[in-house]
């Protein structure tokens, strides 16, 4: 359904992206931020799904500045984790937001733009909600490293989704986030980390993902209309 494209950030850097366009007039735009695995099958599927729901969706390749074209489907490979660990050591959230902004610009052809992301992408979604970047709403999934962004106050409507059995994101961090920002919708599900990635059967929780995805869709329908 979708297609591979390139985006150009404001500093001139060119990065890969995946986009899908609805068959009818878009009801808005959505930027989808990947997990640490790159523009893998799961992320492309999310982009396609948003297009089926009427949104012009764009997923930027967030690691292209460090390893151009990187993506992996081998979730169990130790070598893949080692590669991503090295990438994260040199990752810059400042330049990352330039790439997010380029994706927002592309998605804005569909109207008001929302952002969503998973794991690494949930963290980036919160940071983008703080930066604004012309976004109208954000809905992030199990963004790790909560203490690293808890002081970044959202500037747009925001909701977040977490699994209550996520061993990488302690519940006390989630509750601290909820206490700090009572206007942010923070939802818990009986699931592990990565509960929306259907390509990882050991993590995927269909019921939780369906409920969270429905909330995101309703949230975007409300704020991007």
Protein backbone atom coordinates (compact mmCIF):
# COMPACT_ATOMS: atom_id res chain seq x y z
CA UNK A 1 0.00 0.00 0.00
CA UNK A 2 2.77 2.42 0.95
CA UNK A 3 5.96 3.49 -0.72
CA UNK A 4 9.53 4.38 0.15
CA UNK A 5 10.48 8.05 -0.17
CA UNK A 6 13.20 10.42 1.02
CA UNK A 7 12.86 13.50 3.21
CA UNK A 8 15.19 16.49 3.55
CA UNK A 9 15.67 17.99 7.00
CA UNK A 10 16.20 21.71 7.60
CA UNK A 11 19.98 21.19 7.91
CA UNK A 12 20.10 19.58 4.47
CA UNK A 13 20.35 15.95 5.60
CA UNK A 14 18.41 13.48 3.44
CA UNK A 15 16.83 10.46 5.12
CA UNK A 16 14.66 7.54 4.14
CA UNK A 17 10.98 7.32 5.00
CA UNK A 18 7.93 5.19 4.34
CA UNK A 19 4.57 6.76 3.52
CA UNK A 20 1.03 5.73 2.67
CA UNK A 21 -1.84 7.84 1.36
CA UNK A 22 -5.56 7.15 1.86
CA UNK A 23 -7.76 6.46 -1.15
CA UNK A 24 -9.98 9.43 -0.31
CA UNK A 25 -9.22 12.98 0.84
CA UNK A 26 -7.03 12.77 3.98
CA UNK A 27 -8.63 13.62 7.31
CA UNK A 28 -5.20 14.62 8.63
CA UNK A 29 -1.59 13.54 8.77
CA UNK A 30 0.21 11.15 11.12
CA UNK A 31 3.93 10.73 11.74
CA UNK A 32 4.88 7.25 12.96
CA UNK A 33 8.15 6.91 14.87
CA UNK A 34 9.82 3.51 14.75
CA UNK A 35 11.05 1.21 17.47
CA UNK A 36 14.82 0.71 17.60
CA UNK A 37 14.51 -1.80 14.74
CA UNK A 38 14.19 0.84 12.01
CA UNK A 39 11.56 0.94 9.26
CA UNK A 40 10.73 -2.72 9.77
CA UNK A 41 7.62 -4.60 8.69
CA UNK A 42 5.69 -3.69 11.86
CA UNK A 43 6.24 0.07 11.42
CA UNK A 44 5.32 -0.04 7.75
CA UNK A 45 2.16 -1.90 8.73
CA UNK A 46 1.21 0.85 11.19
CA UNK A 47 1.68 3.45 8.45
CA UNK A 48 -0.55 1.44 6.11
CA UNK A 49 -3.19 1.09 8.82
CA UNK A 50 -3.38 4.83 9.42
CA UNK A 51 -3.80 5.34 5.68
CA UNK A 52 -6.72 2.90 5.70
CA UNK A 53 -8.27 5.04 8.44
CA UNK A 54 -7.97 8.13 6.25
CA UNK A 55 -4.64 9.66 7.29
CA UNK A 56 -1.62 10.56 5.22
CA UNK A 57 1.02 8.72 7.25
CA UNK A 58 4.82 9.08 7.20
CA UNK A 59 7.50 7.13 9.10
CA UNK A 60 11.00 8.67 9.00
CA UNK A 61 14.10 6.47 9.30
CA UNK A 62 15.38 7.83 12.60
CA UNK A 63 18.78 6.11 12.52
CA UNK A 64 19.80 7.20 9.02
CA UNK A 65 22.18 9.83 10.40
CA UNK A 66 24.10 7.04 12.15
CA UNK A 67 23.65 3.98 9.92
CA UNK A 68 21.94 4.84 6.66
CA UNK A 69 19.22 2.39 5.68
CA UNK A 70 19.38 0.40 8.93
CA UNK A 71 16.46 -1.88 9.71
CA UNK A 72 16.21 -5.31 11.27
CA UNK A 73 13.53 -7.98 11.58
CA UNK A 74 15.70 -10.31 13.68
CA UNK A 75 14.35 -9.43 17.11
CA UNK A 76 16.20 -12.24 18.88
CA UNK A 77 19.64 -11.63 17.40
CA UNK A 78 22.28 -10.58 19.90
CA UNK A 79 24.23 -8.91 17.12
CA UNK A 80 21.23 -6.70 16.30
CA UNK A 81 21.04 -5.53 19.91
CA UNK A 82 24.76 -4.81 19.89
CA UNK A 83 24.37 -2.71 16.72
CA UNK A 84 21.49 -0.74 18.18
CA UNK A 85 23.35 -0.21 21.43
CA UNK A 86 26.17 1.41 19.48
CA UNK A 87 23.70 3.54 17.53
CA UNK A 88 22.07 4.84 20.69
CA UNK A 89 25.44 5.84 22.16
CA UNK A 90 25.78 8.40 19.39
CA UNK A 91 22.12 9.30 18.95
CA UNK A 92 21.21 12.99 19.17
CA UNK A 93 17.67 14.01 20.10
CA UNK A 94 18.37 17.50 18.76
CA UNK A 95 19.07 16.36 15.21
CA UNK A 96 16.37 13.70 15.55
CA UNK A 97 13.77 16.42 15.95
CA UNK A 98 14.96 17.92 12.65
CA UNK A 99 14.12 14.62 10.99
CA UNK A 100 10.77 14.48 12.79
CA UNK A 101 10.03 18.01 11.58
CA UNK A 102 10.75 16.94 7.99
CA UNK A 103 8.25 14.10 8.37
CA UNK A 104 5.68 16.47 9.86
CA UNK A 105 6.07 18.76 6.87
CA UNK A 106 5.40 15.85 4.51
CA UNK A 107 2.42 14.62 6.53
CA UNK A 108 0.94 18.14 6.70
CA UNK A 109 -0.16 17.73 3.10
CA UNK A 110 -3.00 15.75 4.69
CA UNK A 111 -3.98 18.51 7.15
CA UNK A 112 -3.33 18.78 10.89
CA UNK A 113 -0.64 16.35 12.03
CA UNK A 114 -0.40 13.97 14.97
CA UNK A 115 2.56 11.86 16.03
CA UNK A 116 2.77 8.37 17.45
CA UNK A 117 5.65 6.05 18.20
CA UNK A 118 6.62 2.79 19.87
CA UNK A 119 9.35 2.11 22.45
CA UNK A 120 12.16 4.42 21.26
CA UNK A 121 9.42 6.13 19.24
CA UNK A 122 7.30 6.69 22.34
CA UNK A 123 10.17 8.63 23.88
CA UNK A 124 10.58 10.67 20.69
CA UNK A 125 6.82 11.32 20.57
CA UNK A 126 6.92 12.88 24.05
CA UNK A 127 9.91 15.03 23.10
CA UNK A 128 8.12 16.15 19.94
CA UNK A 129 5.03 17.02 22.00
CA UNK A 130 7.25 19.24 24.14
CA UNK A 131 8.91 20.86 21.12
CA UNK A 132 5.58 21.47 19.36
CA UNK A 133 6.95 21.40 15.80
CA UNK A 134 3.55 22.31 14.38
CA UNK A 135 1.94 19.13 15.72
CA UNK A 136 -1.66 19.04 16.93
CA UNK A 137 -1.62 15.83 19.03
CA UNK A 138 0.64 13.00 20.19
CA UNK A 139 -0.02 9.42 21.30
CA UNK A 140 3.07 7.50 22.43
CA UNK A 141 3.55 3.84 23.28
CA UNK A 142 5.79 2.48 26.05
CA UNK A 143 8.48 5.11 25.68
CA UNK A 144 11.47 4.03 27.76
CA UNK A 145 13.72 6.24 29.85
CA UNK A 146 10.85 8.17 31.43
CA UNK A 147 13.09 10.20 33.79
CA UNK A 148 14.94 11.61 30.76
CA UNK A 149 11.84 13.43 29.51
CA UNK A 150 9.65 13.89 32.59
CA UNK A 151 10.70 17.55 32.86
CA UNK A 152 9.71 18.28 29.23
CA UNK A 153 6.21 19.71 29.55
CA UNK A 154 3.92 18.85 26.62
CA UNK A 155 2.79 21.79 24.51
CA UNK A 156 0.04 19.89 22.69
CA UNK A 157 -2.64 17.31 23.64
CA UNK A 158 -0.87 14.08 24.57
CA UNK A 159 -1.63 10.55 25.71
CA UNK A 160 0.69 7.64 26.54
CA UNK A 161 0.24 3.87 26.66
CA UNK A 162 2.23 1.48 28.91
CA UNK A 163 2.17 -2.20 29.85
CA UNK A 164 1.88 -2.93 33.55
CA UNK A 165 4.22 -5.93 33.14
CA UNK A 166 6.91 -3.95 31.32
CA UNK A 167 10.14 -4.88 33.10
CA UNK A 168 12.04 -2.05 31.39
CA UNK A 169 9.73 0.77 32.49
CA UNK A 170 9.02 0.57 36.25
CA UNK A 171 5.45 1.37 37.23
CA UNK A 172 6.69 3.99 39.67
CA UNK A 173 8.09 5.94 36.71
CA UNK A 174 4.73 5.77 34.94
CA UNK A 175 2.94 6.90 38.10
CA UNK A 176 5.43 9.76 38.52
CA UNK A 177 4.62 10.86 34.98
CA UNK A 178 0.89 10.68 35.71
CA UNK A 179 1.27 12.69 38.92
CA UNK A 180 3.38 15.35 37.18
CA UNK A 181 0.98 15.77 34.25
CA UNK A 182 -2.61 15.03 35.30
CA UNK A 183 -3.93 16.44 32.00
CA UNK A 184 -2.02 13.82 29.98
CA UNK A 185 -3.97 10.62 29.40
CA UNK A 186 -1.70 7.85 30.71
CA UNK A 187 -3.11 4.37 30.21
CA UNK A 188 -1.96 1.01 31.58
CA UNK A 189 -2.63 -2.37 29.98
CA UNK A 190 -2.13 -5.94 31.27
CA UNK A 191 0.80 -6.48 28.93
CA UNK A 192 4.56 -6.48 28.50
CA UNK A 193 6.83 -4.04 26.67
CA UNK A 194 6.22 -4.04 22.92
CA UNK A 195 2.65 -5.29 23.25
CA UNK A 196 1.60 -3.83 19.90
CA UNK A 197 4.29 -5.46 17.75
CA UNK A 198 2.48 -8.40 16.16
CA UNK A 199 5.75 -9.62 14.66
CA UNK A 200 6.95 -10.47 18.18
CA UNK A 201 4.51 -13.15 19.41
CA UNK A 202 6.27 -13.42 22.76
CA UNK A 203 5.43 -9.74 23.44
CA UNK A 204 2.30 -9.09 21.39
CA UNK A 205 -0.97 -8.73 23.30
CA UNK A 206 -3.79 -8.40 20.79
CA UNK A 207 -6.47 -7.26 23.23
CA UNK A 208 -4.29 -4.57 24.79
CA UNK A 209 -3.06 -3.36 21.42
CA UNK A 210 -6.56 -3.14 19.99
CA UNK A 211 -7.72 -1.10 22.96
CA UNK A 212 -4.72 1.24 22.84
CA UNK A 213 -4.90 1.64 19.07
CA UNK A 214 -8.60 2.50 19.27
CA UNK A 215 -7.80 5.18 21.83
CA UNK A 216 -5.10 6.64 19.59
CA UNK A 217 -7.46 6.70 16.63
CA UNK A 218 -10.20 8.39 18.67
CA UNK A 219 -7.66 10.88 20.02
CA UNK A 220 -6.48 11.78 16.52
CA UNK A 221 -10.03 11.97 15.18
CA UNK A 222 -10.74 14.53 17.92
CA UNK A 223 -7.63 16.70 17.59
CA UNK A 224 -6.84 16.45 13.87
CA UNK A 225 -10.35 16.90 12.49
